[in-house]
């Protein structure tokens, strides 16, 4: 393993941890404020956590080609954007 692999893994782990904390905070806020729309934001953060864990797995194991990993990452990004934009599209 190279130093770049270890650095990438460490950065992704920090991002995943921060996103998990934000997701839990949003979920609790949605429950306390009785605002179900905020749960979409929490789900978006949990998708980011999943994307980071997937990227860590791919970097460490080199199981997929880079192009395939980027395509799957793009699908994670699309899901994240849709979940985080959903509260603005929903009616009251």
PDB file of N, CA and C in Angstrom:
ATOM      1  N   UNK A   1       0.843  -1.181   0.000  1.00  0.00           N
ATOM      2  CA  UNK A   1       0.000   0.000   0.000  1.00  0.00           C
ATOM      3  C   UNK A   1       0.890   1.247   0.000  1.00  0.00           C
ATOM      4  N   UNK A   2       0.480   2.191  -0.774  1.00  0.00           N
ATOM      5  CA  UNK A   2       1.252   3.425  -0.847  1.00  0.00           C
ATOM      6  C   UNK A   2       0.753   4.421   0.194  1.00  0.00           C
ATOM      7  N   UNK A   3       1.519   5.478   0.367  1.00  0.00           N
ATOM      8  CA  UNK A   3       1.117   6.531   1.298  1.00  0.00           C
ATOM      9  C   UNK A   3      -0.150   7.227   0.819  1.00  0.00           C
ATOM     10  N   UNK A   4      -0.288   7.334  -0.510  1.00  0.00           N
ATOM     11  CA  UNK A   4      -1.488   7.964  -1.058  1.00  0.00           C
ATOM     12  C   UNK A   4      -2.743   7.151  -0.740  1.00  0.00           C
ATOM     13  N   UNK A   5      -2.631   5.839  -0.779  1.00  0.00           N
ATOM     14  CA  UNK A   5      -3.761   4.972  -0.440  1.00  0.00           C
ATOM     15  C   UNK A   5      -4.160   5.157   1.015  1.00  0.00           C
ATOM     16  N   UNK A   6      -3.168   5.204   1.886  1.00  0.00           N
ATOM     17  CA  UNK A   6      -3.464   5.394   3.302  1.00  0.00           C
ATOM     18  C   UNK A   6      -4.054   6.772   3.574  1.00  0.00           C
ATOM     19  N   UNK A   7      -3.541   7.792   2.898  1.00  0.00           N
ATOM     20  CA  UNK A   7      -4.073   9.150   3.073  1.00  0.00           C
ATOM     21  C   UNK A   7      -5.510   9.231   2.569  1.00  0.00           C
ATOM     22  N   UNK A   8      -5.777   8.651   1.407  1.00  0.00           N
ATOM     23  CA  UNK A   8      -7.143   8.654   0.860  1.00  0.00           C
ATOM     24  C   UNK A   8      -8.112   7.947   1.793  1.00  0.00           C
ATOM     25  N   UNK A   9      -7.680   6.822   2.332  1.00  0.00           N
ATOM     26  CA  UNK A   9      -8.523   6.078   3.256  1.00  0.00           C
ATOM     27  C   UNK A   9      -8.801   6.881   4.519  1.00  0.00           C
ATOM     28  N   UNK A  10      -7.789   7.561   5.035  1.00  0.00           N
ATOM     29  CA  UNK A  10      -7.968   8.367   6.247  1.00  0.00           C
ATOM     30  C   UNK A  10      -8.917   9.535   6.008  1.00  0.00           C
ATOM     31  N   UNK A  11      -8.764  10.211   4.878  1.00  0.00           N
ATOM     32  CA  UNK A  11      -9.650  11.339   4.566  1.00  0.00           C
ATOM     33  C   UNK A  11     -11.088  10.862   4.406  1.00  0.00           C
ATOM     34  N   UNK A  12     -11.279   9.755   3.708  1.00  0.00           N
ATOM     35  CA  UNK A  12     -12.628   9.216   3.536  1.00  0.00           C
ATOM     36  C   UNK A  12     -13.234   8.779   4.865  1.00  0.00           C
ATOM     37  N   UNK A  13     -12.419   8.253   5.757  1.00  0.00           N
ATOM     38  CA  UNK A  13     -12.926   7.854   7.075  1.00  0.00           C
ATOM     39  C   UNK A  13     -13.373   9.071   7.880  1.00  0.00           C
ATOM     40  N   UNK A  14     -12.630  10.165   7.788  1.00  0.00           N
ATOM     41  CA  UNK A  14     -13.020  11.399   8.490  1.00  0.00           C
ATOM     42  C   UNK A  14     -14.316  11.953   7.906  1.00  0.00           C
ATOM     43  N   UNK A  15     -14.425  11.954   6.587  1.00  0.00           N
ATOM     44  CA  UNK A  15     -15.653  12.446   5.939  1.00  0.00           C
ATOM     45  C   UNK A  15     -16.840  11.565   6.313  1.00  0.00           C
ATOM     46  N   UNK A  16     -16.659  10.254   6.319  1.00  0.00           N
ATOM     47  CA  UNK A  16     -17.744   9.339   6.677  1.00  0.00           C
ATOM     48  C   UNK A  16     -18.187   9.553   8.120  1.00  0.00           C
ATOM     49  N   UNK A  17     -17.230   9.769   9.014  1.00  0.00           N
ATOM     50  CA  UNK A  17     -17.566  10.003  10.419  1.00  0.00           C
ATOM     51  C   UNK A  17     -18.340  11.310  10.589  1.00  0.00           C
ATOM     52  N   UNK A  18     -17.886  12.358   9.912  1.00  0.00           N
ATOM     53  CA  UNK A  18     -18.584  13.638   9.995  1.00  0.00           C
ATOM     54  C   UNK A  18     -19.984  13.537   9.397  1.00  0.00           C
ATOM     55  N   UNK A  19     -20.118  12.866   8.275  1.00  0.00           N
ATOM     56  CA  UNK A  19     -21.435  12.714   7.645  1.00  0.00           C
ATOM     57  C   UNK A  19     -22.363  11.882   8.520  1.00  0.00           C
ATOM     58  N   UNK A  20     -21.824  10.866   9.180  1.00  0.00           N
ATOM     59  CA  UNK A  20     -22.659  10.065  10.074  1.00  0.00           C
ATOM     60  C   UNK A  20     -23.158  10.916  11.242  1.00  0.00           C
ATOM     61  N   UNK A  21     -22.281  11.735  11.804  1.00  0.00           N
ATOM     62  CA  UNK A  21     -22.689  12.628  12.888  1.00  0.00           C
ATOM     63  C   UNK A  21     -23.753  13.610  12.444  1.00  0.00           C
ATOM     64  N   UNK A  22     -23.590  14.183  11.245  1.00  0.00           N
ATOM     65  CA  UNK A  22     -24.601  15.103  10.727  1.00  0.00           C
ATOM     66  C   UNK A  22     -25.917  14.388  10.437  1.00  0.00           C
ATOM     67  N   UNK A  23     -25.834  13.170   9.931  1.00  0.00           N
ATOM     68  CA  UNK A  23     -27.051  12.404   9.657  1.00  0.00           C
ATOM     69  C   UNK A  23     -27.830  12.095  10.920  1.00  0.00           C
ATOM     70  N   UNK A  24     -27.120  11.685  11.968  1.00  0.00           N
ATOM     71  CA  UNK A  24     -27.788  11.403  13.242  1.00  0.00           C
ATOM     72  C   UNK A  24     -28.389  12.679  13.817  1.00  0.00           C
ATOM     73  N   UNK A  25     -27.643  13.776  13.726  1.00  0.00           N
ATOM     74  CA  UNK A  25     -28.156  15.060  14.226  1.00  0.00           C
ATOM     75  C   UNK A  25     -29.423  15.467  13.483  1.00  0.00           C
ATOM     76  N   UNK A  26     -29.425  15.311  12.170  1.00  0.00           N
ATOM     77  CA  UNK A  26     -30.618  15.653  11.382  1.00  0.00           C
ATOM     78  C   UNK A  26     -31.789  14.743  11.733  1.00  0.00           C
ATOM     79  N   UNK A  27     -31.526  13.463  11.931  1.00  0.00           N
ATOM     80  CA  UNK A  27     -32.595  12.523  12.262  1.00  0.00           C
ATOM     81  C   UNK A  27     -33.230  12.890  13.597  1.00  0.00           C
ATOM     82  N   UNK A  28     -32.405  13.205  14.584  1.00  0.00           N
ATOM     83  CA  UNK A  28     -32.918  13.595  15.904  1.00  0.00           C
ATOM     84  C   UNK A  28     -33.678  14.912  15.794  1.00  0.00           C
ATOM     85  N   UNK A  29     -33.162  15.850  15.018  1.00  0.00           N
ATOM     86  CA  UNK A  29     -33.844  17.134  14.836  1.00  0.00           C
ATOM     87  C   UNK A  29     -35.200  16.940  14.169  1.00  0.00           C
ATOM     88  N   UNK A  30     -35.273  16.046  13.196  1.00  0.00           N
ATOM     89  CA  UNK A  30     -36.556  15.777  12.538  1.00  0.00           C
ATOM     90  C   UNK A  30     -37.557  15.201  13.519  1.00  0.00           C
ATOM     91  N   UNK A  31     -37.081  14.363  14.405  1.00  0.00           N
ATOM     92  CA  UNK A  31     -37.974  13.761  15.398  1.00  0.00           C
ATOM     93  C   UNK A  31     -38.442  14.805  16.417  1.00  0.00           C
ATOM     94  N   UNK A  32     -37.537  15.627  16.882  1.00  0.00           N
ATOM     95  CA  UNK A  32     -37.898  16.624  17.902  1.00  0.00           C
ATOM     96  C   UNK A  32     -38.740  17.755  17.353  1.00  0.00           C
ATOM     97  N   UNK A  33     -38.475  18.157  16.108  1.00  0.00           N
ATOM     98  CA  UNK A  33     -39.219  19.257  15.513  1.00  0.00           C
ATOM     99  C   UNK A  33     -40.497  18.796  14.817  1.00  0.00           C
ATOM    100  N   UNK A  34     -40.700  17.509  14.730  1.00  0.00           N
ATOM    101  CA  UNK A  34     -41.858  16.932  14.037  1.00  0.00           C
ATOM    102  C   UNK A  34     -41.906  17.408  12.582  1.00  0.00           C
ATOM    103  N   UNK A  35     -40.737  17.453  11.961  1.00  0.00           N
ATOM    104  CA  UNK A  35     -40.621  17.837  10.555  1.00  0.00           C
ATOM    105  C   UNK A  35     -40.104  16.631   9.759  1.00  0.00           C
ATOM    106  N   UNK A  36     -41.001  15.872   9.159  1.00  0.00           N
ATOM    107  CA  UNK A  36     -40.551  14.679   8.439  1.00  0.00           C
ATOM    108  C   UNK A  36     -39.678  14.990   7.220  1.00  0.00           C
ATOM    109  N   UNK A  37     -39.746  16.209   6.691  1.00  0.00           N
ATOM    110  CA  UNK A  37     -38.937  16.555   5.525  1.00  0.00           C
ATOM    111  C   UNK A  37     -37.441  16.549   5.842  1.00  0.00           C
ATOM    112  N   UNK A  38     -37.106  16.809   7.101  1.00  0.00           N
ATOM    113  CA  UNK A  38     -35.695  16.842   7.482  1.00  0.00           C
ATOM    114  C   UNK A  38     -35.086  15.441   7.417  1.00  0.00           C
ATOM    115  N   UNK A  39     -35.918  14.417   7.467  1.00  0.00           N
ATOM    116  CA  UNK A  39     -35.405  13.046   7.368  1.00  0.00           C
ATOM    117  C   UNK A  39     -34.782  12.774   6.002  1.00  0.00           C
ATOM    118  N   UNK A  40     -35.247  13.479   4.978  1.00  0.00           N
ATOM    119  CA  UNK A  40     -34.627  13.340   3.660  1.00  0.00           C
ATOM    120  C   UNK A  40     -33.181  13.831   3.697  1.00  0.00           C
ATOM    121  N   UNK A  41     -32.932  14.922   4.418  1.00  0.00           N
ATOM    122  CA  UNK A  41     -31.564  15.416   4.564  1.00  0.00           C
ATOM    123  C   UNK A  41     -30.699  14.401   5.301  1.00  0.00           C
ATOM    124  N   UNK A  42     -31.265  13.819   6.356  1.00  0.00           N
ATOM    125  CA  UNK A  42     -30.530  12.790   7.101  1.00  0.00           C
ATOM    126  C   UNK A  42     -30.211  11.605   6.187  1.00  0.00           C
ATOM    127  N   UNK A  43     -31.168  11.206   5.367  1.00  0.00           N
ATOM    128  CA  UNK A  43     -30.933  10.091   4.444  1.00  0.00           C
ATOM    129  C   UNK A  43     -29.834  10.441   3.435  1.00  0.00           C
ATOM    130  N   UNK A  44     -29.787  11.693   3.016  1.00  0.00           N
ATOM    131  CA  UNK A  44     -28.720  12.132   2.116  1.00  0.00           C
ATOM    132  C   UNK A  44     -27.347  11.992   2.754  1.00  0.00           C
ATOM    133  N   UNK A  45     -27.245  12.346   4.033  1.00  0.00           N
ATOM    134  CA  UNK A  45     -25.970  12.182   4.729  1.00  0.00           C
ATOM    135  C   UNK A  45     -25.612  10.707   4.902  1.00  0.00           C
ATOM    136  N   UNK A  46     -26.622   9.864   5.129  1.00  0.00           N
ATOM    137  CA  UNK A  46     -26.347   8.435   5.266  1.00  0.00           C
ATOM    138  C   UNK A  46     -25.913   7.823   3.927  1.00  0.00           C
ATOM    139  N   UNK A  47     -26.409   8.357   2.823  1.00  0.00           N
ATOM    140  CA  UNK A  47     -25.934   7.920   1.509  1.00  0.00           C
ATOM    141  C   UNK A  47     -24.470   8.329   1.330  1.00  0.00           C
ATOM    142  N   UNK A  48     -24.105   9.515   1.821  1.00  0.00           N
ATOM    143  CA  UNK A  48     -22.709   9.938   1.758  1.00  0.00           C
ATOM    144  C   UNK A  48     -21.812   9.014   2.578  1.00  0.00           C
ATOM    145  N   UNK A  49     -22.290   8.592   3.742  1.00  0.00           N
ATOM    146  CA  UNK A  49     -21.530   7.632   4.551  1.00  0.00           C
ATOM    147  C   UNK A  49     -21.327   6.332   3.772  1.00  0.00           C
ATOM    148  N   UNK A  50     -22.384   5.849   3.143  1.00  0.00           N
ATOM    149  CA  UNK A  50     -22.299   4.615   2.359  1.00  0.00           C
ATOM    150  C   UNK A  50     -21.318   4.769   1.198  1.00  0.00           C
ATOM    151  N   UNK A  51     -21.354   5.928   0.545  1.00  0.00           N
ATOM    152  CA  UNK A  51     -20.430   6.176  -0.563  1.00  0.00           C
ATOM    153  C   UNK A  51     -18.985   6.164  -0.072  1.00  0.00           C
ATOM    154  N   UNK A  52     -18.722   6.797   1.056  1.00  0.00           N
ATOM    155  CA  UNK A  52     -17.362   6.827   1.600  1.00  0.00           C
ATOM    156  C   UNK A  52     -16.887   5.426   1.989  1.00  0.00           C
ATOM    157  N   UNK A  53     -17.760   4.646   2.602  1.00  0.00           N
ATOM    158  CA  UNK A  53     -17.380   3.282   2.976  1.00  0.00           C
ATOM    159  C   UNK A  53     -17.121   2.421   1.735  1.00  0.00           C
ATOM    160  N   UNK A  54     -17.932   2.622   0.712  1.00  0.00           N
ATOM    161  CA  UNK A  54     -17.722   1.907  -0.550  1.00  0.00           C
ATOM    162  C   UNK A  54     -16.384   2.299  -1.177  1.00  0.00           C
ATOM    163  N   UNK A  55     -16.070   3.594  -1.149  1.00  0.00           N
ATOM    164  CA  UNK A  55     -14.802   4.058  -1.721  1.00  0.00           C
ATOM    165  C   UNK A  55     -13.609   3.512  -0.934  1.00  0.00           C
ATOM    166  N   UNK A  56     -13.725   3.481   0.383  1.00  0.00           N
ATOM    167  CA  UNK A  56     -12.654   2.907   1.204  1.00  0.00           C
ATOM    168  C   UNK A  56     -12.448   1.441   0.856  1.00  0.00           C
ATOM    169  N   UNK A  57     -13.531   0.712   0.721  1.00  0.00           N
ATOM    170  CA  UNK A  57     -13.443  -0.715   0.365  1.00  0.00           C
ATOM    171  C   UNK A  57     -12.769  -0.888  -0.992  1.00  0.00           C
ATOM    172  N   UNK A  58     -13.163  -0.078  -1.960  1.00  0.00           N
ATOM    173  CA  UNK A  58     -12.587  -0.203  -3.300  1.00  0.00           C
ATOM    174  C   UNK A  58     -11.113   0.176  -3.319  1.00  0.00           C
ATOM    175  N   UNK A  59     -10.731   1.192  -2.550  1.00  0.00           N
ATOM    176  CA  UNK A  59      -9.329   1.603  -2.515  1.00  0.00           C
ATOM    177  C   UNK A  59      -8.469   0.528  -1.854  1.00  0.00           C
ATOM    178  N   UNK A  60      -8.965  -0.038  -0.777  1.00  0.00           N
ATOM    179  CA  UNK A  60      -8.171  -1.022  -0.041  1.00  0.00           C
ATOM    180  C   UNK A  60      -8.064  -2.364  -0.765  1.00  0.00           C
ATOM    181  N   UNK A  61      -9.126  -2.781  -1.424  1.00  0.00           N
ATOM    182  CA  UNK A  61      -9.115  -4.108  -2.045  1.00  0.00           C
ATOM    183  C   UNK A  61      -8.795  -4.077  -3.536  1.00  0.00           C
ATOM    184  N   UNK A  62      -8.976  -2.926  -4.170  1.00  0.00           N
ATOM    185  CA  UNK A  62      -8.775  -2.792  -5.621  1.00  0.00           C
ATOM    186  C   UNK A  62      -9.605  -3.830  -6.378  1.00  0.00           C
ATOM    187  N   UNK A  63     -10.835  -4.008  -5.927  1.00  0.00           N
ATOM    188  CA  UNK A  63     -11.700  -5.041  -6.494  1.00  0.00           C
ATOM    189  C   UNK A  63     -12.353  -4.598  -7.805  1.00  0.00           C
ATOM    190  N   UNK A  64     -12.528  -3.302  -7.990  1.00  0.00           N
ATOM    191  CA  UNK A  64     -13.164  -2.771  -9.198  1.00  0.00           C
ATOM    192  C   UNK A  64     -12.194  -1.886  -9.962  1.00  0.00           C
ATOM    193  N   UNK A  65     -12.431  -1.782 -11.260  1.00  0.00           N
ATOM    194  CA  UNK A  65     -11.670  -0.834 -12.062  1.00  0.00           C
ATOM    195  C   UNK A  65     -12.095   0.577 -11.665  1.00  0.00           C
ATOM    196  N   UNK A  66     -11.215   1.516 -11.880  1.00  0.00           N
ATOM    197  CA  UNK A  66     -11.485   2.889 -11.467  1.00  0.00           C
ATOM    198  C   UNK A  66     -12.732   3.454 -12.151  1.00  0.00           C
ATOM    199  N   UNK A  67     -12.932   3.129 -13.418  1.00  0.00           N
ATOM    200  CA  UNK A  67     -14.088   3.661 -14.153  1.00  0.00           C
ATOM    201  C   UNK A  67     -15.400   3.163 -13.551  1.00  0.00           C
ATOM    202  N   UNK A  68     -15.435   1.909 -13.155  1.00  0.00           N
ATOM    203  CA  UNK A  68     -16.649   1.334 -12.558  1.00  0.00           C
ATOM    204  C   UNK A  68     -16.899   1.976 -11.198  1.00  0.00           C
ATOM    205  N   UNK A  69     -15.838   2.158 -10.442  1.00  0.00           N
ATOM    206  CA  UNK A  69     -15.978   2.806  -9.131  1.00  0.00           C
ATOM    207  C   UNK A  69     -16.502   4.229  -9.279  1.00  0.00           C
ATOM    208  N   UNK A  70     -16.024   4.959 -10.278  1.00  0.00           N
ATOM    209  CA  UNK A  70     -16.502   6.329 -10.515  1.00  0.00           C
ATOM    210  C   UNK A  70     -17.977   6.341 -10.920  1.00  0.00           C
ATOM    211  N   UNK A  71     -18.393   5.359 -11.726  1.00  0.00           N
ATOM    212  CA  UNK A  71     -19.794   5.287 -12.150  1.00  0.00           C
ATOM    213  C   UNK A  71     -20.702   5.028 -10.955  1.00  0.00           C
ATOM    214  N   UNK A  72     -20.319   4.099 -10.105  1.00  0.00           N
ATOM    215  CA  UNK A  72     -21.120   3.805  -8.912  1.00  0.00           C
ATOM    216  C   UNK A  72     -21.131   5.011  -7.976  1.00  0.00           C
ATOM    217  N   UNK A  73     -19.989   5.680  -7.853  1.00  0.00           N
ATOM    218  CA  UNK A  73     -19.925   6.903  -7.047  1.00  0.00           C
ATOM    219  C   UNK A  73     -20.842   7.986  -7.585  1.00  0.00           C
ATOM    220  N   UNK A  74     -20.961   8.074  -8.903  1.00  0.00           N
ATOM    221  CA  UNK A  74     -21.868   9.057  -9.507  1.00  0.00           C
ATOM    222  C   UNK A  74     -23.324   8.744  -9.173  1.00  0.00           C
ATOM    223  N   UNK A  75     -23.668   7.467  -9.120  1.00  0.00           N
ATOM    224  CA  UNK A  75     -25.033   7.096  -8.727  1.00  0.00           C
ATOM    225  C   UNK A  75     -25.297   7.466  -7.267  1.00  0.00           C
ATOM    226  N   UNK A  76     -24.296   7.261  -6.417  1.00  0.00           N
ATOM    227  CA  UNK A  76     -24.428   7.701  -5.029  1.00  0.00           C
ATOM    228  C   UNK A  76     -24.637   9.217  -4.970  1.00  0.00           C
ATOM    229  N   UNK A  77     -23.888   9.973  -5.789  1.00  0.00           N
ATOM    230  CA  UNK A  77     -24.030  11.425  -5.815  1.00  0.00           C
ATOM    231  C   UNK A  77     -25.425  11.849  -6.258  1.00  0.00           C
ATOM    232  N   UNK A  78     -25.955  11.168  -7.275  1.00  0.00           N
ATOM    233  CA  UNK A  78     -27.306  11.505  -7.740  1.00  0.00           C
ATOM    234  C   UNK A  78     -28.341  11.237  -6.658  1.00  0.00           C
ATOM    235  N   UNK A  79     -28.205  10.118  -5.962  1.00  0.00           N
ATOM    236  CA  UNK A  79     -29.143   9.805  -4.881  1.00  0.00           C
ATOM    237  C   UNK A  79     -29.044  10.841  -3.773  1.00  0.00           C
ATOM    238  N   UNK A  80     -27.821  11.272  -3.463  1.00  0.00           N
ATOM    239  CA  UNK A  80     -27.626  12.275  -2.422  1.00  0.00           C
ATOM    240  C   UNK A  80     -28.293  13.598  -2.790  1.00  0.00           C
ATOM    241  N   UNK A  81     -28.090  14.040  -4.011  1.00  0.00           N
ATOM    242  CA  UNK A  81     -28.686  15.309  -4.450  1.00  0.00           C
ATOM    243  C   UNK A  81     -30.205  15.219  -4.439  1.00  0.00           C
ATOM    244  N   UNK A  82     -30.760  14.113  -4.910  1.00  0.00           N
ATOM    245  CA  UNK A  82     -32.213  13.959  -4.908  1.00  0.00           C
ATOM    246  C   UNK A  82     -32.780  13.962  -3.491  1.00  0.00           C
ATOM    247  N   UNK A  83     -32.115  13.279  -2.570  1.00  0.00           N
ATOM    248  CA  UNK A  83     -32.607  13.250  -1.191  1.00  0.00           C
ATOM    249  C   UNK A  83     -32.484  14.609  -0.511  1.00  0.00           C
ATOM    250  N   UNK A  84     -31.427  15.338  -0.799  1.00  0.00           N
ATOM    251  CA  UNK A  84     -31.246  16.628  -0.142  1.00  0.00           C
ATOM    252  C   UNK A  84     -32.097  17.724  -0.775  1.00  0.00           C
ATOM    253  N   UNK A  85     -32.517  17.519  -2.022  1.00  0.00           N
ATOM    254  CA  UNK A  85     -33.382  18.501  -2.676  1.00  0.00           C
ATOM    255  C   UNK A  85     -34.862  18.171  -2.491  1.00  0.00           C
ATOM    256  N   UNK A  86     -35.182  16.962  -2.078  1.00  0.00           N
ATOM    257  CA  UNK A  86     -36.573  16.533  -1.949  1.00  0.00           C
ATOM    258  C   UNK A  86     -37.408  17.418  -1.020  1.00  0.00           C
ATOM    259  N   UNK A  87     -36.886  17.888   0.120  1.00  0.00           N
ATOM    260  CA  UNK A  87     -37.724  18.747   0.971  1.00  0.00           C
ATOM    261  C   UNK A  87     -38.171  20.031   0.285  1.00  0.00           C
ATOM    262  N   UNK A  88     -37.391  20.517  -0.676  1.00  0.00           N
ATOM    263  CA  UNK A  88     -37.767  21.747  -1.366  1.00  0.00           C
ATOM    264  C   UNK A  88     -38.828  21.498  -2.432  1.00  0.00           C
ATOM    265  N   UNK A  89     -38.917  20.262  -2.914  1.00  0.00           N
ATOM    266  CA  UNK A  89     -39.897  19.917  -3.926  1.00  0.00           C
ATOM    267  C   UNK A  89     -41.234  19.522  -3.341  1.00  0.00           C
ATOM    268  N   UNK A  90     -41.221  19.097  -2.100  1.00  0.00           N
ATOM    269  CA  UNK A  90     -42.456  18.595  -1.482  1.00  0.00           C
ATOM    270  C   UNK A  90     -43.374  19.762  -1.084  1.00  0.00           C
ATOM    271  N   UNK A  91     -44.633  19.508  -1.186  1.00  0.00           N
ATOM    272  CA  UNK A  91     -45.605  20.523  -0.757  1.00  0.00           C
ATOM    273  C   UNK A  91     -45.815  20.407   0.735  1.00  0.00           C
ATOM    274  N   UNK A  92     -46.354  21.462   1.296  1.00  0.00           N
ATOM    275  CA  UNK A  92     -46.594  21.479   2.735  1.00  0.00           C
ATOM    276  C   UNK A  92     -47.693  20.585   3.080  1.00  0.00           C
TER     277      UNK A  92
END
